[in-house]
N, C-alpha and C. Protein backbone atom coordinates (compact mmCIF):
# COMPACT_ATOMS: atom_id res chain seq x y z
N MET A 1 93.51 88.36 111.01
CA MET A 1 92.82 88.43 112.27
C MET A 1 93.65 89.20 113.30
N LYS A 2 94.98 89.02 113.22
CA LYS A 2 95.86 89.73 114.15
C LYS A 2 95.73 91.24 113.99
N LYS A 3 95.64 91.70 112.73
CA LYS A 3 95.55 93.13 112.47
C LYS A 3 94.26 93.70 113.04
N ILE A 4 93.17 92.96 112.90
CA ILE A 4 91.89 93.42 113.44
C ILE A 4 91.96 93.51 114.96
N ALA A 5 92.57 92.52 115.58
CA ALA A 5 92.71 92.54 117.04
C ALA A 5 93.56 93.73 117.49
N LEU A 6 94.61 94.04 116.74
CA LEU A 6 95.44 95.19 117.09
C LEU A 6 94.67 96.50 116.97
N VAL A 7 93.86 96.63 115.91
CA VAL A 7 93.06 97.85 115.75
C VAL A 7 92.05 97.98 116.88
N LEU A 8 91.38 96.88 117.22
CA LEU A 8 90.42 96.93 118.33
C LEU A 8 91.09 97.29 119.64
N MET A 9 92.27 96.74 119.86
CA MET A 9 93.01 97.05 121.09
C MET A 9 93.42 98.53 121.10
N ALA A 10 93.86 99.04 119.98
CA ALA A 10 94.24 100.45 119.91
C ALA A 10 93.05 101.36 120.17
N ILE A 11 91.89 101.02 119.61
CA ILE A 11 90.69 101.81 119.85
C ILE A 11 90.32 101.77 121.32
N ALA A 12 90.42 100.61 121.95
CA ALA A 12 90.10 100.49 123.38
C ALA A 12 91.06 101.31 124.24
N ILE A 13 92.33 101.29 123.91
CA ILE A 13 93.31 102.07 124.68
C ILE A 13 93.02 103.56 124.55
N VAL A 14 92.78 104.00 123.33
CA VAL A 14 92.48 105.41 123.11
C VAL A 14 91.18 105.79 123.83
N SER A 15 90.22 104.88 123.87
CA SER A 15 88.93 105.17 124.51
C SER A 15 89.06 105.41 126.00
N THR A 16 90.13 104.94 126.62
CA THR A 16 90.29 105.11 128.06
C THR A 16 90.99 106.42 128.42
N ALA A 17 91.47 107.14 127.43
CA ALA A 17 92.19 108.39 127.71
C ALA A 17 91.23 109.42 128.30
N ALA A 18 91.63 110.05 129.37
CA ALA A 18 90.77 111.01 130.04
C ALA A 18 91.07 112.45 129.64
N MET A 19 92.30 112.76 129.37
CA MET A 19 92.68 114.13 129.04
C MET A 19 92.84 114.26 127.53
N ALA A 20 92.07 115.16 126.96
CA ALA A 20 92.14 115.34 125.52
C ALA A 20 91.69 116.73 125.14
N GLY A 21 91.83 117.06 123.87
CA GLY A 21 91.43 118.37 123.38
C GLY A 21 89.96 118.42 123.03
N ASP A 22 89.52 119.59 122.61
CA ASP A 22 88.14 119.79 122.18
C ASP A 22 87.89 119.06 120.88
N MET A 23 86.64 118.70 120.66
CA MET A 23 86.24 118.03 119.43
C MET A 23 86.19 119.04 118.28
N ALA A 24 86.17 118.50 117.07
CA ALA A 24 86.00 119.36 115.89
C ALA A 24 84.60 119.96 115.93
N LYS A 25 84.46 121.13 115.36
CA LYS A 25 83.20 121.85 115.37
C LYS A 25 82.55 121.82 113.99
N SER A 26 81.27 122.08 113.96
CA SER A 26 80.52 122.16 112.72
C SER A 26 81.17 123.20 111.80
N GLY A 27 81.35 122.87 110.55
CA GLY A 27 81.96 123.78 109.58
C GLY A 27 83.46 123.67 109.44
N GLN A 28 84.12 122.87 110.29
CA GLN A 28 85.57 122.72 110.20
C GLN A 28 85.95 121.80 109.04
N TRP A 29 87.04 122.15 108.36
CA TRP A 29 87.63 121.32 107.31
C TRP A 29 88.89 120.68 107.87
N GLY A 30 89.17 119.46 107.43
CA GLY A 30 90.38 118.78 107.84
C GLY A 30 91.08 118.13 106.66
N VAL A 31 92.39 118.00 106.78
CA VAL A 31 93.20 117.26 105.81
C VAL A 31 93.57 115.95 106.48
N GLN A 32 93.32 114.84 105.80
CA GLN A 32 93.56 113.52 106.39
C GLN A 32 94.63 112.75 105.64
N THR A 33 95.34 111.93 106.39
CA THR A 33 96.22 110.92 105.80
C THR A 33 95.85 109.61 106.46
N SER A 34 95.87 108.54 105.68
CA SER A 34 95.52 107.25 106.27
C SER A 34 96.46 106.18 105.78
N LEU A 35 96.60 105.18 106.60
CA LEU A 35 97.40 104.01 106.29
C LEU A 35 96.62 102.83 106.79
N GLY A 36 96.47 101.82 105.96
CA GLY A 36 95.65 100.69 106.39
C GLY A 36 96.06 99.40 105.74
N SER A 37 95.27 98.39 106.04
CA SER A 37 95.47 97.07 105.44
C SER A 37 94.12 96.58 104.97
N GLY A 38 94.15 95.62 104.07
CA GLY A 38 92.91 95.08 103.53
C GLY A 38 92.67 95.59 102.14
N ASN A 39 91.44 95.49 101.69
CA ASN A 39 91.08 95.90 100.34
C ASN A 39 91.31 97.40 100.16
N GLY A 40 91.92 97.77 99.06
CA GLY A 40 92.19 99.17 98.79
C GLY A 40 93.14 99.78 99.80
N SER A 41 94.21 99.08 100.13
CA SER A 41 95.08 99.49 101.24
C SER A 41 96.14 100.51 100.86
N THR A 42 95.97 101.18 99.73
CA THR A 42 96.90 102.24 99.35
C THR A 42 96.82 103.35 100.39
N ALA A 43 97.96 103.89 100.80
CA ALA A 43 97.95 105.04 101.70
C ALA A 43 97.26 106.19 100.97
N THR A 44 96.44 106.95 101.68
CA THR A 44 95.65 107.99 101.03
C THR A 44 95.83 109.35 101.68
N VAL A 45 95.42 110.37 100.94
CA VAL A 45 95.31 111.74 101.42
C VAL A 45 93.89 112.18 101.07
N GLY A 46 93.25 112.89 101.98
CA GLY A 46 91.88 113.28 101.72
C GLY A 46 91.46 114.52 102.47
N LEU A 47 90.20 114.86 102.31
CA LEU A 47 89.58 115.99 102.99
C LEU A 47 88.41 115.50 103.83
N LYS A 48 88.20 116.16 104.96
CA LYS A 48 87.08 115.83 105.84
C LYS A 48 86.37 117.14 106.18
N PHE A 49 85.05 117.13 106.10
CA PHE A 49 84.26 118.30 106.43
C PHE A 49 83.25 117.93 107.50
N MET A 50 83.26 118.67 108.58
CA MET A 50 82.28 118.47 109.66
C MET A 50 81.01 119.24 109.28
N ALA A 51 80.03 118.54 108.70
CA ALA A 51 78.79 119.16 108.25
C ALA A 51 77.94 119.61 109.45
N SER A 52 78.05 118.90 110.57
CA SER A 52 77.38 119.26 111.82
C SER A 52 78.25 118.74 112.96
N GLU A 53 77.79 118.90 114.17
CA GLU A 53 78.57 118.41 115.32
C GLU A 53 78.75 116.89 115.27
N ASN A 54 77.80 116.18 114.64
CA ASN A 54 77.83 114.71 114.63
C ASN A 54 78.13 114.09 113.27
N LEU A 55 78.06 114.84 112.19
CA LEU A 55 78.18 114.27 110.85
C LEU A 55 79.39 114.82 110.12
N ALA A 56 80.24 113.91 109.64
CA ALA A 56 81.42 114.29 108.86
C ALA A 56 81.33 113.63 107.49
N ILE A 57 81.76 114.36 106.47
CA ILE A 57 81.81 113.86 105.10
C ILE A 57 83.28 113.85 104.70
N ARG A 58 83.72 112.77 104.05
CA ARG A 58 85.13 112.71 103.68
C ARG A 58 85.32 112.12 102.29
N VAL A 59 86.39 112.56 101.62
CA VAL A 59 86.81 112.03 100.33
C VAL A 59 88.31 111.78 100.42
N GLU A 60 88.79 110.79 99.65
CA GLU A 60 90.21 110.45 99.71
C GLU A 60 90.68 109.91 98.37
N ALA A 61 91.99 110.03 98.15
CA ALA A 61 92.61 109.49 96.94
C ALA A 61 94.00 109.00 97.31
N GLY A 62 94.45 107.97 96.62
CA GLY A 62 95.77 107.42 96.88
C GLY A 62 96.44 106.95 95.61
N PHE A 63 97.75 106.90 95.63
CA PHE A 63 98.53 106.49 94.47
C PHE A 63 99.81 105.83 94.97
N ASN A 64 100.23 104.76 94.34
CA ASN A 64 101.53 104.18 94.65
C ASN A 64 102.14 103.61 93.38
N SER A 65 103.44 103.44 93.39
CA SER A 65 104.15 102.93 92.25
C SER A 65 105.24 101.99 92.74
N PHE A 66 105.40 100.88 92.03
CA PHE A 66 106.42 99.91 92.39
C PHE A 66 107.26 99.64 91.16
N SER A 67 108.55 99.82 91.29
CA SER A 67 109.48 99.55 90.21
C SER A 67 110.50 98.53 90.71
N PRO A 68 110.48 97.31 90.15
CA PRO A 68 111.36 96.27 90.67
C PRO A 68 112.85 96.50 90.43
N GLY A 69 113.20 97.39 89.55
CA GLY A 69 114.62 97.66 89.28
C GLY A 69 115.17 96.72 88.23
N GLY A 70 116.40 96.97 87.86
CA GLY A 70 117.03 96.15 86.83
C GLY A 70 116.75 96.70 85.45
N SER A 71 117.51 96.23 84.48
CA SER A 71 117.33 96.74 83.11
C SER A 71 116.09 96.11 82.49
N GLY A 72 115.38 96.90 81.74
CA GLY A 72 114.20 96.40 81.04
C GLY A 72 112.96 96.26 81.90
N SER A 73 113.05 96.56 83.16
CA SER A 73 111.86 96.42 84.01
C SER A 73 111.02 97.69 83.93
N SER A 74 109.74 97.54 84.11
CA SER A 74 108.85 98.69 84.10
C SER A 74 108.04 98.67 85.39
N SER A 75 107.47 99.79 85.71
CA SER A 75 106.81 99.92 87.01
C SER A 75 105.33 99.55 86.94
N THR A 76 104.82 99.17 88.09
CA THR A 76 103.40 98.91 88.29
C THR A 76 102.86 100.05 89.15
N THR A 77 101.73 100.59 88.76
CA THR A 77 101.14 101.66 89.55
C THR A 77 99.77 101.23 90.07
N GLY A 78 99.43 101.76 91.22
CA GLY A 78 98.12 101.51 91.81
C GLY A 78 97.49 102.83 92.20
N TYR A 79 96.20 102.88 92.16
CA TYR A 79 95.48 104.10 92.52
C TYR A 79 94.17 103.72 93.19
N GLY A 80 93.63 104.64 93.91
CA GLY A 80 92.34 104.41 94.55
C GLY A 80 91.72 105.72 94.97
N PHE A 81 90.42 105.74 95.04
CA PHE A 81 89.71 106.90 95.56
C PHE A 81 88.42 106.44 96.19
N GLY A 82 87.90 107.23 97.09
CA GLY A 82 86.68 106.85 97.79
C GLY A 82 86.03 108.04 98.47
N ALA A 83 84.84 107.80 98.98
CA ALA A 83 84.08 108.81 99.71
C ALA A 83 83.25 108.12 100.77
N GLY A 84 82.87 108.86 101.78
CA GLY A 84 82.05 108.28 102.83
C GLY A 84 81.61 109.33 103.82
N PHE A 85 80.89 108.88 104.81
CA PHE A 85 80.49 109.78 105.88
C PHE A 85 80.63 109.07 107.21
N GLU A 86 80.73 109.85 108.26
CA GLU A 86 80.84 109.34 109.63
C GLU A 86 79.73 109.97 110.47
N TYR A 87 79.11 109.17 111.31
CA TYR A 87 78.16 109.69 112.29
C TYR A 87 78.81 109.51 113.66
N HIS A 88 79.15 110.63 114.30
CA HIS A 88 79.83 110.60 115.60
C HIS A 88 78.80 110.54 116.72
N MET A 89 79.02 109.60 117.63
CA MET A 89 78.14 109.42 118.78
C MET A 89 78.64 110.26 119.95
N MET A 90 78.03 110.12 121.09
CA MET A 90 78.40 110.91 122.26
C MET A 90 79.87 110.73 122.60
N ALA A 91 80.57 111.85 122.63
CA ALA A 91 82.01 111.83 122.93
C ALA A 91 82.24 111.80 124.44
N VAL A 92 83.28 111.07 124.83
CA VAL A 92 83.67 110.99 126.24
C VAL A 92 85.16 111.30 126.32
N GLY A 93 85.54 112.27 127.14
CA GLY A 93 86.96 112.60 127.23
C GLY A 93 87.41 113.30 125.97
N GLY A 94 88.13 112.85 125.14
CA GLY A 94 88.48 113.42 123.85
C GLY A 94 88.25 112.40 122.77
N VAL A 95 87.47 111.36 123.10
CA VAL A 95 87.24 110.26 122.17
C VAL A 95 85.83 110.35 121.62
N SER A 96 85.74 110.31 120.32
CA SER A 96 84.45 110.36 119.64
C SER A 96 84.27 109.08 118.84
N PRO A 97 83.49 108.11 119.37
CA PRO A 97 83.23 106.90 118.58
C PRO A 97 82.31 107.23 117.41
N TYR A 98 82.46 106.51 116.31
CA TYR A 98 81.62 106.78 115.15
C TYR A 98 81.34 105.52 114.36
N VAL A 99 80.27 105.59 113.58
CA VAL A 99 79.94 104.58 112.59
C VAL A 99 79.87 105.31 111.26
N GLY A 100 80.05 104.59 110.17
CA GLY A 100 80.01 105.26 108.88
C GLY A 100 79.75 104.31 107.74
N LEU A 101 79.64 104.89 106.58
CA LEU A 101 79.41 104.14 105.35
C LEU A 101 80.28 104.78 104.28
N GLY A 102 80.92 103.95 103.47
CA GLY A 102 81.78 104.48 102.43
C GLY A 102 81.81 103.57 101.21
N ALA A 103 82.32 104.11 100.12
CA ALA A 103 82.48 103.34 98.88
C ALA A 103 83.80 103.76 98.24
N GLY A 104 84.40 102.86 97.49
CA GLY A 104 85.67 103.18 96.87
C GLY A 104 85.92 102.36 95.62
N TYR A 105 86.87 102.83 94.85
CA TYR A 105 87.29 102.17 93.63
C TYR A 105 88.82 102.20 93.60
N SER A 106 89.43 101.10 93.22
CA SER A 106 90.88 101.07 93.08
C SER A 106 91.26 100.22 91.88
N GLY A 107 92.43 100.47 91.37
CA GLY A 107 92.89 99.72 90.22
C GLY A 107 94.40 99.72 90.14
N SER A 108 94.90 98.96 89.18
CA SER A 108 96.34 98.86 88.95
C SER A 108 96.61 98.99 87.47
N SER A 109 97.77 99.50 87.17
CA SER A 109 98.23 99.58 85.79
C SER A 109 99.46 98.68 85.70
N LEU A 110 99.27 97.53 85.07
CA LEU A 110 100.35 96.54 84.97
C LEU A 110 101.08 96.68 83.65
N PRO A 111 102.39 96.52 83.65
CA PRO A 111 103.15 96.61 82.40
C PRO A 111 103.02 95.34 81.57
N ASN A 112 103.16 95.48 80.27
CA ASN A 112 103.26 94.34 79.34
C ASN A 112 102.12 93.34 79.48
N LEU A 113 100.88 93.81 79.42
CA LEU A 113 99.73 92.91 79.51
C LEU A 113 99.59 92.10 78.22
N PRO A 114 99.28 90.80 78.33
CA PRO A 114 99.05 90.00 77.13
C PRO A 114 97.74 90.41 76.44
N ALA A 115 97.59 90.05 75.18
CA ALA A 115 96.37 90.36 74.43
C ALA A 115 95.16 89.76 75.15
N GLY A 116 94.08 90.50 75.18
CA GLY A 116 92.84 90.01 75.81
C GLY A 116 92.79 90.24 77.31
N GLN A 117 93.77 90.90 77.86
CA GLN A 117 93.78 91.15 79.30
C GLN A 117 93.81 92.65 79.54
N SER A 118 93.03 93.09 80.52
CA SER A 118 93.05 94.50 80.90
C SER A 118 93.54 94.61 82.34
N ASN A 119 93.71 95.82 82.79
CA ASN A 119 94.20 96.04 84.15
C ASN A 119 93.14 95.65 85.18
N PRO A 120 93.55 95.04 86.30
CA PRO A 120 92.60 94.66 87.34
C PRO A 120 92.06 95.88 88.08
N ASN A 121 90.85 95.74 88.63
CA ASN A 121 90.26 96.80 89.42
C ASN A 121 89.36 96.22 90.50
N GLN A 122 88.94 97.08 91.40
CA GLN A 122 88.17 96.63 92.56
C GLN A 122 87.20 97.73 92.98
N PHE A 123 85.98 97.33 93.32
CA PHE A 123 84.96 98.24 93.83
C PHE A 123 84.52 97.72 95.19
N ASN A 124 84.37 98.61 96.17
CA ASN A 124 83.90 98.15 97.48
C ASN A 124 82.93 99.14 98.11
N VAL A 125 82.04 98.58 98.90
CA VAL A 125 81.11 99.34 99.73
C VAL A 125 81.28 98.77 101.13
N GLN A 126 81.44 99.64 102.12
CA GLN A 126 81.66 99.12 103.47
C GLN A 126 81.02 100.00 104.53
N GLY A 127 80.66 99.35 105.59
CA GLY A 127 80.27 100.05 106.81
C GLY A 127 81.47 99.97 107.73
N TYR A 128 81.68 100.97 108.55
CA TYR A 128 82.83 100.92 109.45
C TYR A 128 82.49 101.48 110.81
N TRP A 129 83.30 101.06 111.76
CA TRP A 129 83.19 101.50 113.15
C TRP A 129 84.57 101.94 113.59
N GLY A 130 84.62 103.06 114.30
CA GLY A 130 85.92 103.55 114.74
C GLY A 130 85.81 104.52 115.88
N GLY A 131 86.95 105.03 116.28
CA GLY A 131 87.02 106.03 117.32
C GLY A 131 88.05 107.08 116.94
N GLU A 132 87.71 108.34 117.16
CA GLU A 132 88.62 109.46 116.85
C GLU A 132 89.01 110.12 118.16
N TYR A 133 90.31 110.20 118.41
CA TYR A 133 90.84 110.81 119.62
C TYR A 133 91.40 112.18 119.26
N PHE A 134 90.95 113.22 119.96
CA PHE A 134 91.38 114.59 119.68
C PHE A 134 92.48 115.00 120.65
N PHE A 135 93.69 115.21 120.11
CA PHE A 135 94.79 115.74 120.91
C PHE A 135 94.55 117.22 121.19
N SER A 136 93.93 117.90 120.23
CA SER A 136 93.52 119.30 120.35
C SER A 136 92.35 119.48 119.39
N SER A 137 91.80 120.67 119.33
CA SER A 137 90.68 120.90 118.41
C SER A 137 91.15 120.89 116.95
N ASN A 138 92.47 120.91 116.73
CA ASN A 138 93.00 120.92 115.36
C ASN A 138 93.73 119.65 114.95
N PHE A 139 93.83 118.66 115.82
CA PHE A 139 94.59 117.45 115.47
C PHE A 139 93.95 116.23 116.12
N SER A 140 93.74 115.18 115.31
CA SER A 140 93.15 113.95 115.85
C SER A 140 93.79 112.72 115.21
N TRP A 141 93.63 111.61 115.89
CA TRP A 141 94.05 110.29 115.43
C TRP A 141 92.84 109.39 115.52
N ALA A 142 92.62 108.54 114.52
CA ALA A 142 91.47 107.63 114.53
C ALA A 142 91.92 106.24 114.08
N GLY A 143 91.18 105.27 114.53
CA GLY A 143 91.34 103.89 114.10
C GLY A 143 89.97 103.35 113.75
N GLN A 144 89.87 102.59 112.68
CA GLN A 144 88.57 102.04 112.30
C GLN A 144 88.73 100.69 111.62
N ILE A 145 87.67 99.89 111.69
CA ILE A 145 87.61 98.63 110.96
C ILE A 145 86.37 98.66 110.08
N GLY A 146 86.46 97.97 108.95
CA GLY A 146 85.35 97.98 108.00
C GLY A 146 84.81 96.59 107.74
N LEU A 147 83.52 96.54 107.49
CA LEU A 147 82.83 95.32 107.12
C LEU A 147 82.05 95.64 105.86
N GLY A 148 82.27 94.89 104.79
CA GLY A 148 81.58 95.26 103.56
C GLY A 148 81.66 94.25 102.45
N PHE A 149 81.31 94.73 101.28
CA PHE A 149 81.25 93.93 100.06
C PHE A 149 82.31 94.45 99.10
N THR A 150 83.06 93.53 98.48
CA THR A 150 84.09 93.89 97.52
C THR A 150 83.92 93.04 96.26
N SER A 151 84.01 93.70 95.11
CA SER A 151 83.98 93.01 93.83
C SER A 151 85.30 93.29 93.12
N THR A 152 86.01 92.23 92.74
CA THR A 152 87.32 92.37 92.12
C THR A 152 87.30 91.77 90.72
N SER A 153 87.77 92.54 89.76
CA SER A 153 87.91 92.07 88.38
C SER A 153 89.39 91.83 88.12
N SER A 154 89.73 90.62 87.68
CA SER A 154 91.13 90.28 87.43
C SER A 154 91.66 90.90 86.15
N GLY A 155 90.76 91.30 85.25
CA GLY A 155 91.19 91.87 83.97
C GLY A 155 91.41 90.83 82.89
N ILE A 156 91.27 89.57 83.22
CA ILE A 156 91.46 88.50 82.23
C ILE A 156 90.16 88.31 81.47
N SER A 157 90.24 88.36 80.16
CA SER A 157 89.06 88.24 79.30
C SER A 157 88.36 86.90 79.56
N GLY A 158 87.05 86.96 79.79
CA GLY A 158 86.26 85.76 80.02
C GLY A 158 86.21 85.31 81.46
N ALA A 159 87.05 85.85 82.31
CA ALA A 159 87.04 85.47 83.73
C ALA A 159 85.99 86.30 84.46
N SER A 160 85.26 85.65 85.35
CA SER A 160 84.23 86.38 86.09
C SER A 160 84.88 87.12 87.27
N ALA A 161 84.19 88.17 87.68
CA ALA A 161 84.67 88.95 88.83
C ALA A 161 84.45 88.14 90.10
N SER A 162 85.35 88.29 91.04
CA SER A 162 85.17 87.61 92.33
C SER A 162 84.56 88.59 93.32
N SER A 163 83.76 88.08 94.22
CA SER A 163 83.10 88.91 95.23
C SER A 163 83.43 88.39 96.61
N ASN A 164 83.47 89.31 97.56
CA ASN A 164 83.79 88.95 98.93
C ASN A 164 82.93 89.79 99.87
N PHE A 165 82.43 89.17 100.92
CA PHE A 165 81.71 89.90 101.96
C PHE A 165 82.37 89.55 103.29
N GLY A 166 82.72 90.55 104.04
CA GLY A 166 83.35 90.30 105.33
C GLY A 166 84.15 91.50 105.79
N THR A 167 85.07 91.25 106.72
CA THR A 167 85.94 92.31 107.21
C THR A 167 86.85 92.73 106.07
N THR A 168 86.74 93.99 105.66
CA THR A 168 87.44 94.42 104.46
C THR A 168 88.65 95.29 104.72
N SER A 169 88.73 95.96 105.87
CA SER A 169 89.86 96.85 106.07
C SER A 169 90.06 97.23 107.53
N ALA A 170 91.24 97.71 107.82
CA ALA A 170 91.58 98.32 109.10
C ALA A 170 92.44 99.53 108.76
N GLN A 171 92.13 100.69 109.33
CA GLN A 171 92.85 101.91 108.98
C GLN A 171 93.21 102.71 110.22
N PHE A 172 94.32 103.44 110.08
CA PHE A 172 94.73 104.46 111.04
C PHE A 172 94.69 105.78 110.28
N ILE A 173 94.05 106.79 110.87
CA ILE A 173 93.83 108.05 110.17
C ILE A 173 94.28 109.22 111.05
N LEU A 174 95.08 110.10 110.48
CA LEU A 174 95.48 111.34 111.15
C LEU A 174 94.76 112.49 110.46
N THR A 175 94.19 113.42 111.24
CA THR A 175 93.47 114.55 110.65
C THR A 175 93.98 115.84 111.26
N TRP A 176 94.27 116.80 110.39
CA TRP A 176 94.65 118.15 110.80
C TRP A 176 93.51 119.07 110.40
N TYR A 177 92.79 119.60 111.40
CA TYR A 177 91.68 120.51 111.12
C TYR A 177 92.24 121.91 110.90
N LEU A 178 91.74 122.56 109.85
CA LEU A 178 92.32 123.81 109.38
C LEU A 178 91.74 125.06 110.03
N ASN A 179 90.51 125.07 110.40
CA ASN A 179 89.91 126.30 110.95
C ASN A 179 89.27 126.06 112.29
């Protein structure tokens, strides 16, 4: 709950900024990096395309690896990818509030799995609300929160998948527009 409150506070602070750069234009491509918490919280790199003045389409992928160290230990890897779109509402100052819809898949590769067990994975669909602040027409910062449905498979044979509906994520996104 604290993380959600921090994201909302950050969006409110950014929304009050009066001096900002121009918004992204139709046809612009951007490279994004994001860092977040919640389901599928792997840091990601992605692409964003402004299909029109109000509609953006984005795709992202992420990868991480954890190696505990010591002799005989092996690493655990995680991956995720997703896609979505944003509908930007009337911008004020350099802030463009938006709503969107996205879907994603993530999984892990665990070492030394016992017989009858596979690697865990997760599928989610979420709606999100956020605000994008433009420092210039080529650089922006955004914060968003997501509400959605998540289905998680533990990978244990015979175990049912767990499902969750609710606040699924909070993200901070930096975008560098290329053209």
